[in-house]
Amino acid sequence: MKNFNEFINEGSRYVDRAGKPFNIKGINFVYTDRGRFYGTSLYDVKKTANVNKRSKIGYDATEALLSSLGIKEKLPMYYEDGTLDKICKELTRKGIACDHGDYMDVS
């Protein structure tokens, strides 16, 4: 039987667009400045600022990823501080740095 850390490591593995696998160590949920979901940036380092993202995924892929990591909270389509804080808190407990913001200007 696998231990907890082995399950976490399986759930946090991802393949970037070039087909190279990596372990997710950071996640940033990005929303537009009008509050609509824009995308999720994935990082192979344990931070989300001042580093290049390894991959960017959309809403459905983010929902699938969160589910595979055992996150039961549903990702909001529109920016909700409280819900995103809960998701980030759970991810942090699993050893993944997490951040969110509604700063993407798409105009």
PDB file of N, CA and C in Angstrom:
ATOM      1  N   MET A   1       0.833  -1.171   0.000  1.00  0.00           N
ATOM      2  CA  MET A   1       0.000   0.000   0.000  1.00  0.00           C
ATOM      3  C   MET A   1       0.888   1.249   0.000  1.00  0.00           C
ATOM      4  N   LYS A   2       0.476   2.281  -0.752  1.00  0.00           N
ATOM      5  CA  LYS A   2       1.255   3.508  -0.862  1.00  0.00           C
ATOM      6  C   LYS A   2       1.001   4.409   0.339  1.00  0.00           C
ATOM      7  N   ASN A   3       2.049   5.137   0.715  1.00  0.00           N
ATOM      8  CA  ASN A   3       1.863   6.083   1.808  1.00  0.00           C
ATOM      9  C   ASN A   3       1.362   7.422   1.260  1.00  0.00           C
ATOM     10  N   PHE A   4       1.031   8.332   2.160  1.00  0.00           N
ATOM     11  CA  PHE A   4       0.441   9.614   1.792  1.00  0.00           C
ATOM     12  C   PHE A   4       1.307  10.387   0.802  1.00  0.00           C
ATOM     13  N   ASN A   5       2.607  10.468   1.055  1.00  0.00           N
ATOM     14  CA  ASN A   5       3.496  11.234   0.180  1.00  0.00           C
ATOM     15  C   ASN A   5       3.566  10.659  -1.229  1.00  0.00           C
ATOM     16  N   GLU A   6       3.460   9.350  -1.361  1.00  0.00           N
ATOM     17  CA  GLU A   6       3.463   8.751  -2.694  1.00  0.00           C
ATOM     18  C   GLU A   6       2.208   9.150  -3.464  1.00  0.00           C
ATOM     19  N   PHE A   7       1.057   9.201  -2.780  1.00  0.00           N
ATOM     20  CA  PHE A   7      -0.168   9.643  -3.443  1.00  0.00           C
ATOM     21  C   PHE A   7      -0.042  11.101  -3.875  1.00  0.00           C
ATOM     22  N   ILE A   8       0.476  11.948  -3.011  1.00  0.00           N
ATOM     23  CA  ILE A   8       0.645  13.357  -3.338  1.00  0.00           C
ATOM     24  C   ILE A   8       1.568  13.519  -4.538  1.00  0.00           C
ATOM     25  N   ASN A   9       2.681  12.774  -4.551  1.00  0.00           N
ATOM     26  CA  ASN A   9       3.612  12.881  -5.672  1.00  0.00           C
ATOM     27  C   ASN A   9       2.972  12.455  -6.980  1.00  0.00           C
ATOM     28  N   GLU A  10       2.136  11.417  -6.965  1.00  0.00           N
ATOM     29  CA  GLU A  10       1.454  10.993  -8.186  1.00  0.00           C
ATOM     30  C   GLU A  10       0.508  12.075  -8.676  1.00  0.00           C
ATOM     31  N   GLY A  11      -0.241  12.664  -7.758  1.00  0.00           N
ATOM     32  CA  GLY A  11      -1.208  13.685  -8.134  1.00  0.00           C
ATOM     33  C   GLY A  11      -0.564  14.965  -8.614  1.00  0.00           C
ATOM     34  N   SER A  12       0.648  15.248  -8.162  1.00  0.00           N
ATOM     35  CA  SER A  12       1.279  16.514  -8.516  1.00  0.00           C
ATOM     36  C   SER A  12       2.201  16.410  -9.737  1.00  0.00           C
ATOM     37  N   ARG A  13       2.229  15.276 -10.387  1.00  0.00           N
ATOM     38  CA  ARG A  13       3.016  15.145 -11.615  1.00  0.00           C
ATOM     39  C   ARG A  13       2.194  15.686 -12.776  1.00  0.00           C
ATOM     40  N   TYR A  14       2.872  16.350 -13.697  1.00  0.00           N
ATOM     41  CA  TYR A  14       2.187  16.907 -14.850  1.00  0.00           C
ATOM     42  C   TYR A  14       3.132  16.873 -16.034  1.00  0.00           C
ATOM     43  N   VAL A  15       2.602  16.971 -17.230  1.00  0.00           N
ATOM     44  CA  VAL A  15       3.417  16.969 -18.433  1.00  0.00           C
ATOM     45  C   VAL A  15       3.227  18.321 -19.117  1.00  0.00           C
ATOM     46  N   ASP A  16       4.334  19.017 -19.411  1.00  0.00           N
ATOM     47  CA  ASP A  16       4.221  20.325 -20.056  1.00  0.00           C
ATOM     48  C   ASP A  16       3.933  20.154 -21.549  1.00  0.00           C
ATOM     49  N   ARG A  17       3.802  21.269 -22.249  1.00  0.00           N
ATOM     50  CA  ARG A  17       3.448  21.234 -23.681  1.00  0.00           C
ATOM     51  C   ARG A  17       4.496  20.545 -24.539  1.00  0.00           C
ATOM     52  N   ALA A  18       5.721  20.522 -24.068  1.00  0.00           N
ATOM     53  CA  ALA A  18       6.794  19.854 -24.805  1.00  0.00           C
ATOM     54  C   ALA A  18       6.814  18.356 -24.528  1.00  0.00           C
ATOM     55  N   GLY A  19       5.917  17.896 -23.654  1.00  0.00           N
ATOM     56  CA  GLY A  19       5.840  16.483 -23.334  1.00  0.00           C
ATOM     57  C   GLY A  19       6.771  16.050 -22.215  1.00  0.00           C
ATOM     58  N   LYS A  20       7.381  17.020 -21.548  1.00  0.00           N
ATOM     59  CA  LYS A  20       8.309  16.690 -20.466  1.00  0.00           C
ATOM     60  C   LYS A  20       7.580  16.683 -19.126  1.00  0.00           C
ATOM     61  N   PRO A  21       7.702  15.590 -18.377  1.00  0.00           N
ATOM     62  CA  PRO A  21       7.026  15.513 -17.072  1.00  0.00           C
ATOM     63  C   PRO A  21       7.745  16.361 -16.023  1.00  0.00           C
ATOM     64  N   PHE A  22       6.962  16.873 -15.079  1.00  0.00           N
ATOM     65  CA  PHE A  22       7.527  17.614 -13.955  1.00  0.00           C
ATOM     66  C   PHE A  22       6.583  17.504 -12.772  1.00  0.00           C
ATOM     67  N   ASN A  23       7.104  17.757 -11.593  1.00  0.00           N
ATOM     68  CA  ASN A  23       6.293  17.766 -10.382  1.00  0.00           C
ATOM     69  C   ASN A  23       5.814  19.186 -10.125  1.00  0.00           C
ATOM     70  N   ILE A  24       4.531  19.335  -9.895  1.00  0.00           N
ATOM     71  CA  ILE A  24       3.960  20.643  -9.608  1.00  0.00           C
ATOM     72  C   ILE A  24       4.324  21.030  -8.178  1.00  0.00           C
ATOM     73  N   LYS A  25       5.001  22.154  -8.047  1.00  0.00           N
ATOM     74  CA  LYS A  25       5.369  22.647  -6.724  1.00  0.00           C
ATOM     75  C   LYS A  25       4.747  24.005  -6.441  1.00  0.00           C
ATOM     76  N   GLY A  26       4.153  24.619  -7.463  1.00  0.00           N
ATOM     77  CA  GLY A  26       3.487  25.905  -7.308  1.00  0.00           C
ATOM     78  C   GLY A  26       2.323  26.026  -8.275  1.00  0.00           C
ATOM     79  N   ILE A  27       1.245  26.658  -7.815  1.00  0.00           N
ATOM     80  CA  ILE A  27       0.050  26.871  -8.637  1.00  0.00           C
ATOM     81  C   ILE A  27      -0.424  28.303  -8.430  1.00  0.00           C
ATOM     82  N   ASN A  28      -0.763  28.975  -9.539  1.00  0.00           N
ATOM     83  CA  ASN A  28      -1.299  30.329  -9.462  1.00  0.00           C
ATOM     84  C   ASN A  28      -2.584  30.389 -10.290  1.00  0.00           C
ATOM     85  N   PHE A  29      -3.699  30.703  -9.628  1.00  0.00           N
ATOM     86  CA  PHE A  29      -4.985  30.850 -10.301  1.00  0.00           C
ATOM     87  C   PHE A  29      -5.113  32.305 -10.749  1.00  0.00           C
ATOM     88  N   VAL A  30      -5.248  32.527 -12.054  1.00  0.00           N
ATOM     89  CA  VAL A  30      -5.272  33.879 -12.598  1.00  0.00           C
ATOM     90  C   VAL A  30      -6.670  34.212 -13.119  1.00  0.00           C
ATOM     91  N   TYR A  31      -7.151  35.369 -12.709  1.00  0.00           N
ATOM     92  CA  TYR A  31      -8.456  35.876 -13.148  1.00  0.00           C
ATOM     93  C   TYR A  31      -8.235  37.235 -13.805  1.00  0.00           C
ATOM     94  N   THR A  32      -9.144  37.621 -14.696  1.00  0.00           N
ATOM     95  CA  THR A  32      -9.022  38.924 -15.339  1.00  0.00           C
ATOM     96  C   THR A  32      -9.342  40.021 -14.332  1.00  0.00           C
ATOM     97  N   ASP A  33      -9.004  41.232 -14.693  1.00  0.00           N
ATOM     98  CA  ASP A  33      -9.298  42.359 -13.804  1.00  0.00           C
ATOM     99  C   ASP A  33     -10.808  42.593 -13.663  1.00  0.00           C
ATOM    100  N   ARG A  34     -11.603  41.906 -14.460  1.00  0.00           N
ATOM    101  CA  ARG A  34     -13.064  41.966 -14.323  1.00  0.00           C
ATOM    102  C   ARG A  34     -13.606  40.740 -13.583  1.00  0.00           C
ATOM    103  N   GLY A  35     -12.693  39.879 -13.122  1.00  0.00           N
ATOM    104  CA  GLY A  35     -13.070  38.780 -12.257  1.00  0.00           C
ATOM    105  C   GLY A  35     -13.333  37.436 -12.914  1.00  0.00           C
ATOM    106  N   ARG A  36     -13.191  37.301 -14.213  1.00  0.00           N
ATOM    107  CA  ARG A  36     -13.457  36.028 -14.894  1.00  0.00           C
ATOM    108  C   ARG A  36     -12.185  35.171 -14.914  1.00  0.00           C
ATOM    109  N   PHE A  37     -12.358  33.845 -14.776  1.00  0.00           N
ATOM    110  CA  PHE A  37     -11.219  32.928 -14.793  1.00  0.00           C
ATOM    111  C   PHE A  37     -10.455  33.082 -16.106  1.00  0.00           C
ATOM    112  N   TYR A  38      -9.120  33.155 -16.000  1.00  0.00           N
ATOM    113  CA  TYR A  38      -8.260  33.303 -17.172  1.00  0.00           C
ATOM    114  C   TYR A  38      -7.420  32.053 -17.420  1.00  0.00           C
ATOM    115  N   GLY A  39      -6.858  31.481 -16.358  1.00  0.00           N
ATOM    116  CA  GLY A  39      -6.036  30.288 -16.513  1.00  0.00           C
ATOM    117  C   GLY A  39      -5.288  29.964 -15.231  1.00  0.00           C
ATOM    118  N   THR A  40      -4.664  28.818 -15.214  1.00  0.00           N
ATOM    119  CA  THR A  40      -3.880  28.375 -14.061  1.00  0.00           C
ATOM    120  C   THR A  40      -2.453  28.144 -14.515  1.00  0.00           C
ATOM    121  N   SER A  41      -1.536  28.806 -13.840  1.00  0.00           N
ATOM    122  CA  SER A  41      -0.109  28.630 -14.136  1.00  0.00           C
ATOM    123  C   SER A  41       0.462  27.589 -13.186  1.00  0.00           C
ATOM    124  N   LEU A  42       1.254  26.677 -13.742  1.00  0.00           N
ATOM    125  CA  LEU A  42       1.880  25.614 -12.959  1.00  0.00           C
ATOM    126  C   LEU A  42       3.387  25.826 -12.948  1.00  0.00           C
ATOM    127  N   TYR A  43       3.998  25.594 -11.793  1.00  0.00           N
ATOM    128  CA  TYR A  43       5.420  25.834 -11.614  1.00  0.00           C
ATOM    129  C   TYR A  43       6.104  24.576 -11.098  1.00  0.00           C
ATOM    130  N   ASP A  44       7.375  24.431 -11.469  1.00  0.00           N
ATOM    131  CA  ASP A  44       8.161  23.296 -10.974  1.00  0.00           C
ATOM    132  C   ASP A  44       9.070  23.722  -9.824  1.00  0.00           C
ATOM    133  N   VAL A  45       8.845  24.912  -9.296  1.00  0.00           N
ATOM    134  CA  VAL A  45       9.538  25.407  -8.103  1.00  0.00           C
ATOM    135  C   VAL A  45       8.483  25.788  -7.075  1.00  0.00           C
ATOM    136  N   LYS A  46       8.879  25.843  -5.822  1.00  0.00           N
ATOM    137  CA  LYS A  46       7.926  26.057  -4.741  1.00  0.00           C
ATOM    138  C   LYS A  46       7.662  27.542  -4.499  1.00  0.00           C
ATOM    139  N   LYS A  47       7.342  28.268  -5.567  1.00  0.00           N
ATOM    140  CA  LYS A  47       6.936  29.655  -5.475  1.00  0.00           C
ATOM    141  C   LYS A  47       6.191  30.022  -6.749  1.00  0.00           C
ATOM    142  N   THR A  48       5.488  31.156  -6.714  1.00  0.00           N
ATOM    143  CA  THR A  48       4.687  31.539  -7.875  1.00  0.00           C
ATOM    144  C   THR A  48       5.017  32.944  -8.371  1.00  0.00           C
ATOM    145  N   ALA A  49       5.940  33.624  -7.726  1.00  0.00           N
ATOM    146  CA  ALA A  49       6.318  34.974  -8.140  1.00  0.00           C
ATOM    147  C   ALA A  49       7.780  35.001  -8.579  1.00  0.00           C
ATOM    148  N   ASN A  50       8.050  35.822  -9.577  1.00  0.00           N
ATOM    149  CA  ASN A  50       9.415  36.024 -10.081  1.00  0.00           C
ATOM    150  C   ASN A  50      10.054  34.752 -10.621  1.00  0.00           C
ATOM    151  N   VAL A  51       9.241  33.850 -11.138  1.00  0.00           N
ATOM    152  CA  VAL A  51       9.728  32.634 -11.791  1.00  0.00           C
ATOM    153  C   VAL A  51       8.889  32.402 -13.046  1.00  0.00           C
ATOM    154  N   ASN A  52       9.448  31.688 -14.004  1.00  0.00           N
ATOM    155  CA  ASN A  52       8.692  31.355 -15.215  1.00  0.00           C
ATOM    156  C   ASN A  52       7.792  30.165 -14.961  1.00  0.00           C
ATOM    157  N   LYS A  53       6.560  30.263 -15.450  1.00  0.00           N
ATOM    158  CA  LYS A  53       5.654  29.120 -15.310  1.00  0.00           C
ATOM    159  C   LYS A  53       6.117  28.001 -16.218  1.00  0.00           C
ATOM    160  N   ARG A  54       5.811  26.793 -15.814  1.00  0.00           N
ATOM    161  CA  ARG A  54       6.191  25.615 -16.598  1.00  0.00           C
ATOM    162  C   ARG A  54       5.079  25.256 -17.581  1.00  0.00           C
ATOM    163  N   SER A  55       3.831  25.544 -17.186  1.00  0.00           N
ATOM    164  CA  SER A  55       2.699  25.227 -18.032  1.00  0.00           C
ATOM    165  C   SER A  55       1.516  26.106 -17.643  1.00  0.00           C
ATOM    166  N   LYS A  56       0.597  26.316 -18.567  1.00  0.00           N
ATOM    167  CA  LYS A  56      -0.644  27.027 -18.277  1.00  0.00           C
ATOM    168  C   LYS A  56      -1.795  26.130 -18.724  1.00  0.00           C
ATOM    169  N   ILE A  57      -2.801  25.991 -17.856  1.00  0.00           N
ATOM    170  CA  ILE A  57      -3.930  25.130 -18.177  1.00  0.00           C
ATOM    171  C   ILE A  57      -5.240  25.898 -18.004  1.00  0.00           C
ATOM    172  N   GLY A  58      -6.294  25.403 -18.642  1.00  0.00           N
ATOM    173  CA  GLY A  58      -7.600  26.027 -18.587  1.00  0.00           C
ATOM    174  C   GLY A  58      -8.452  25.532 -17.424  1.00  0.00           C
ATOM    175  N   TYR A  59      -9.698  25.953 -17.446  1.00  0.00           N
ATOM    176  CA  TYR A  59     -10.603  25.668 -16.338  1.00  0.00           C
ATOM    177  C   TYR A  59     -10.831  24.166 -16.129  1.00  0.00           C
ATOM    178  N   ASP A  60     -11.194  23.442 -17.190  1.00  0.00           N
ATOM    179  CA  ASP A  60     -11.493  22.005 -17.050  1.00  0.00           C
ATOM    180  C   ASP A  60     -10.272  21.212 -16.581  1.00  0.00           C
ATOM    181  N   ALA A  61      -9.117  21.527 -17.136  1.00  0.00           N
ATOM    182  CA  ALA A  61      -7.888  20.831 -16.721  1.00  0.00           C
ATOM    183  C   ALA A  61      -7.547  21.162 -15.270  1.00  0.00           C
ATOM    184  N   THR A  62      -7.827  22.400 -14.856  1.00  0.00           N
ATOM    185  CA  THR A  62      -7.575  22.793 -13.470  1.00  0.00           C
ATOM    186  C   THR A  62      -8.491  22.027 -12.526  1.00  0.00           C
ATOM    187  N   GLU A  63      -9.764  21.922 -12.897  1.00  0.00           N
ATOM    188  CA  GLU A  63     -10.718  21.165 -12.080  1.00  0.00           C
ATOM    189  C   GLU A  63     -10.262  19.707 -11.944  1.00  0.00           C
ATOM    190  N   ALA A  64      -9.818  19.107 -13.050  1.00  0.00           N
ATOM    191  CA  ALA A  64      -9.353  17.717 -13.030  1.00  0.00           C
ATOM    192  C   ALA A  64      -8.105  17.585 -12.149  1.00  0.00           C
ATOM    193  N   LEU A  65      -7.196  18.542 -12.248  1.00  0.00           N
ATOM    194  CA  LEU A  65      -5.983  18.511 -11.441  1.00  0.00           C
ATOM    195  C   LEU A  65      -6.320  18.618  -9.957  1.00  0.00           C
ATOM    196  N   LEU A  66      -7.178  19.558  -9.598  1.00  0.00           N
ATOM    197  CA  LEU A  66      -7.555  19.728  -8.190  1.00  0.00           C
ATOM    198  C   LEU A  66      -8.215  18.463  -7.650  1.00  0.00           C
ATOM    199  N   SER A  67      -9.057  17.863  -8.467  1.00  0.00           N
ATOM    200  CA  SER A  67      -9.719  16.618  -8.069  1.00  0.00           C
ATOM    201  C   SER A  67      -8.688  15.512  -7.832  1.00  0.00           C
ATOM    202  N   SER A  68      -7.697  15.415  -8.734  1.00  0.00           N
ATOM    203  CA  SER A  68      -6.665  14.373  -8.587  1.00  0.00           C
ATOM    204  C   SER A  68      -5.810  14.604  -7.340  1.00  0.00           C
ATOM    205  N   LEU A  69      -5.754  15.852  -6.892  1.00  0.00           N
ATOM    206  CA  LEU A  69      -5.001  16.178  -5.680  1.00  0.00           C
ATOM    207  C   LEU A  69      -5.855  16.049  -4.423  1.00  0.00           C
ATOM    208  N   GLY A  70      -7.112  15.667  -4.593  1.00  0.00           N
ATOM    209  CA  GLY A  70      -7.991  15.465  -3.449  1.00  0.00           C
ATOM    210  C   GLY A  70      -8.656  16.731  -2.942  1.00  0.00           C
ATOM    211  N   ILE A  71      -8.666  17.790  -3.752  1.00  0.00           N
ATOM    212  CA  ILE A  71      -9.319  19.046  -3.375  1.00  0.00           C
ATOM    213  C   ILE A  71     -10.795  18.941  -3.740  1.00  0.00           C
ATOM    214  N   LYS A  72     -11.644  19.056  -2.747  1.00  0.00           N
ATOM    215  CA  LYS A  72     -13.081  18.905  -2.981  1.00  0.00           C
ATOM    216  C   LYS A  72     -13.771  20.227  -3.337  1.00  0.00           C
ATOM    217  N   GLU A  73     -13.169  21.334  -2.960  1.00  0.00           N
ATOM    218  CA  GLU A  73     -13.731  22.667  -3.243  1.00  0.00           C
ATOM    219  C   GLU A  73     -13.734  22.896  -4.754  1.00  0.00           C
ATOM    220  N   LYS A  74     -14.835  23.405  -5.286  1.00  0.00           N
ATOM    221  CA  LYS A  74     -14.947  23.670  -6.724  1.00  0.00           C
ATOM    222  C   LYS A  74     -14.287  25.012  -7.053  1.00  0.00           C
ATOM    223  N   LEU A  75     -13.491  25.025  -8.109  1.00  0.00           N
ATOM    224  CA  LEU A  75     -12.835  26.238  -8.552  1.00  0.00           C
ATOM    225  C   LEU A  75     -13.886  27.213  -9.077  1.00  0.00           C
ATOM    226  N   PRO A  76     -13.923  28.437  -8.555  1.00  0.00           N
ATOM    227  CA  PRO A  76     -14.927  29.386  -9.030  1.00  0.00           C
ATOM    228  C   PRO A  76     -14.600  29.906 -10.432  1.00  0.00           C
ATOM    229  N   MET A  77     -15.641  30.084 -11.256  1.00  0.00           N
ATOM    230  CA  MET A  77     -15.470  30.642 -12.598  1.00  0.00           C
ATOM    231  C   MET A  77     -15.196  32.147 -12.504  1.00  0.00           C
ATOM    232  N   TYR A  78     -15.721  32.766 -11.449  1.00  0.00           N
ATOM    233  CA  TYR A  78     -15.474  34.182 -11.197  1.00  0.00           C
ATOM    234  C   TYR A  78     -14.719  34.327  -9.881  1.00  0.00           C
ATOM    235  N   TYR A  79     -13.900  35.351  -9.779  1.00  0.00           N
ATOM    236  CA  TYR A  79     -13.003  35.541  -8.645  1.00  0.00           C
ATOM    237  C   TYR A  79     -13.743  35.621  -7.320  1.00  0.00           C
ATOM    238  N   GLU A  80     -13.398  34.701  -6.414  1.00  0.00           N
ATOM    239  CA  GLU A  80     -13.958  34.663  -5.062  1.00  0.00           C
ATOM    240  C   GLU A  80     -12.809  34.419  -4.087  1.00  0.00           C
ATOM    241  N   ASP A  81     -12.423  35.491  -3.382  1.00  0.00           N
ATOM    242  CA  ASP A  81     -11.305  35.396  -2.432  1.00  0.00           C
ATOM    243  C   ASP A  81     -11.427  34.215  -1.480  1.00  0.00           C
ATOM    244  N   GLY A  82     -12.583  34.103  -0.827  1.00  0.00           N
ATOM    245  CA  GLY A  82     -12.770  33.083   0.211  1.00  0.00           C
ATOM    246  C   GLY A  82     -12.580  31.669  -0.296  1.00  0.00           C
ATOM    247  N   THR A  83     -13.210  31.354  -1.422  1.00  0.00           N
ATOM    248  CA  THR A  83     -13.099  30.008  -1.993  1.00  0.00           C
ATOM    249  C   THR A  83     -11.666  29.718  -2.432  1.00  0.00           C
ATOM    250  N   LEU A  84     -11.044  30.681  -3.091  1.00  0.00           N
ATOM    251  CA  LEU A  84      -9.670  30.481  -3.551  1.00  0.00           C
ATOM    252  C   LEU A  84      -8.702  30.367  -2.376  1.00  0.00           C
ATOM    253  N   ASP A  85      -8.961  31.112  -1.315  1.00  0.00           N
ATOM    254  CA  ASP A  85      -8.130  30.981  -0.109  1.00  0.00           C
ATOM    255  C   ASP A  85      -8.231  29.567   0.470  1.00  0.00           C
ATOM    256  N   LYS A  86      -9.435  28.996   0.467  1.00  0.00           N
ATOM    257  CA  LYS A  86      -9.622  27.629   0.977  1.00  0.00           C
ATOM    258  C   LYS A  86      -8.843  26.628   0.123  1.00  0.00           C
ATOM    259  N   ILE A  87      -8.943  26.781  -1.198  1.00  0.00           N
ATOM    260  CA  ILE A  87      -8.232  25.876  -2.104  1.00  0.00           C
ATOM    261  C   ILE A  87      -6.721  25.999  -1.880  1.00  0.00           C
ATOM    262  N   CYS A  88      -6.238  27.228  -1.790  1.00  0.00           N
ATOM    263  CA  CYS A  88      -4.795  27.449  -1.579  1.00  0.00           C
ATOM    264  C   CYS A  88      -4.337  26.880  -0.237  1.00  0.00           C
ATOM    265  N   LYS A  89      -5.174  27.005   0.768  1.00  0.00           N
ATOM    266  CA  LYS A  89      -4.812  26.462   2.082  1.00  0.00           C
ATOM    267  C   LYS A  89      -4.642  24.944   2.008  1.00  0.00           C
ATOM    268  N   GLU A  90      -5.569  24.268   1.306  1.00  0.00           N
ATOM    269  CA  GLU A  90      -5.463  22.811   1.149  1.00  0.00           C
ATOM    270  C   GLU A  90      -4.219  22.435   0.348  1.00  0.00           C
ATOM    271  N   LEU A  91      -3.940  23.181  -0.717  1.00  0.00           N
ATOM    272  CA  LEU A  91      -2.761  22.884  -1.533  1.00  0.00           C
ATOM    273  C   LEU A  91      -1.476  23.103  -0.736  1.00  0.00           C
ATOM    274  N   THR A  92      -1.452  24.143   0.072  1.00  0.00           N
ATOM    275  CA  THR A  92      -0.281  24.417   0.903  1.00  0.00           C
ATOM    276  C   THR A  92      -0.038  23.281   1.884  1.00  0.00           C
ATOM    277  N   ARG A  93      -1.127  22.728   2.433  1.00  0.00           N
ATOM    278  CA  ARG A  93      -0.980  21.578   3.341  1.00  0.00           C
ATOM    279  C   ARG A  93      -0.382  20.381   2.625  1.00  0.00           C
ATOM    280  N   LYS A  94      -0.574  20.320   1.312  1.00  0.00           N
ATOM    281  CA  LYS A  94      -0.047  19.212   0.525  1.00  0.00           C
ATOM    282  C   LYS A  94       1.360  19.524  -0.008  1.00  0.00           C
ATOM    283  N   GLY A  95       1.918  20.672   0.399  1.00  0.00           N
ATOM    284  CA  GLY A  95       3.277  21.014   0.005  1.00  0.00           C
ATOM    285  C   GLY A  95       3.399  21.762  -1.303  1.00  0.00           C
ATOM    286  N   ILE A  96       2.300  22.320  -1.809  1.00  0.00           N
ATOM    287  CA  ILE A  96       2.312  23.049  -3.074  1.00  0.00           C
ATOM    288  C   ILE A  96       2.068  24.531  -2.785  1.00  0.00           C
ATOM    289  N   ALA A  97       2.987  25.386  -3.217  1.00  0.00           N
ATOM    290  CA  ALA A  97       2.803  26.822  -3.063  1.00  0.00           C
ATOM    291  C   ALA A  97       1.616  27.257  -3.914  1.00  0.00           C
ATOM    292  N   CYS A  98       0.796  28.146  -3.384  1.00  0.00           N
ATOM    293  CA  CYS A  98      -0.422  28.535  -4.097  1.00  0.00           C
ATOM    294  C   CYS A  98      -0.659  30.028  -3.961  1.00  0.00           C
ATOM    295  N   ASP A  99      -1.211  30.598  -5.033  1.00  0.00           N
ATOM    296  CA  ASP A  99      -1.497  32.023  -5.071  1.00  0.00           C
ATOM    297  C   ASP A  99      -2.670  32.239  -6.030  1.00  0.00           C
ATOM    298  N   HIS A 100      -3.312  33.384  -5.899  1.00  0.00           N
ATOM    299  CA  HIS A 100      -4.391  33.735  -6.824  1.00  0.00           C
ATOM    300  C   HIS A 100      -4.497  35.243  -6.922  1.00  0.00           C
ATOM    301  N   GLY A 101      -5.052  35.718  -8.032  1.00  0.00           N
ATOM    302  CA  GLY A 101      -5.215  37.151  -8.205  1.00  0.00           C
ATOM    303  C   GLY A 101      -6.114  37.473  -9.386  1.00  0.00           C
ATOM    304  N   ASP A 102      -6.700  38.663  -9.343  1.00  0.00           N
ATOM    305  CA  ASP A 102      -7.566  39.129 -10.445  1.00  0.00           C
ATOM    306  C   ASP A 102      -6.936  40.353 -11.103  1.00  0.00           C
ATOM    307  N   TYR A 103      -5.776  40.145 -11.696  1.00  0.00           N
ATOM    308  CA  TYR A 103      -4.975  41.243 -12.221  1.00  0.00           C
ATOM    309  C   TYR A 103      -4.720  41.175 -13.714  1.00  0.00           C
ATOM    310  N   MET A 104      -5.205  40.152 -14.410  1.00  0.00           N
ATOM    311  CA  MET A 104      -4.901  40.006 -15.832  1.00  0.00           C
ATOM    312  C   MET A 104      -5.744  41.006 -16.640  1.00  0.00           C
ATOM    313  N   ASP A 105      -5.067  41.909 -17.312  1.00  0.00           N
ATOM    314  CA  ASP A 105      -5.738  42.897 -18.158  1.00  0.00           C
ATOM    315  C   ASP A 105      -5.765  42.358 -19.589  1.00  0.00           C
ATOM    316  N   VAL A 106      -6.950  41.997 -20.057  1.00  0.00           N
ATOM    317  CA  VAL A 106      -7.073  41.398 -21.384  1.00  0.00           C
ATOM    318  C   VAL A 106      -7.626  42.386 -22.415  1.00  0.00           C
ATOM    319  N   SER A 107      -7.681  43.655 -22.052  1.00  0.00           N
ATOM    320  CA  SER A 107      -8.210  44.655 -22.998  1.00  0.00           C
ATOM    321  C   SER A 107      -7.201  45.050 -24.034  1.00  0.00           C
TER     322      SER A 107
END
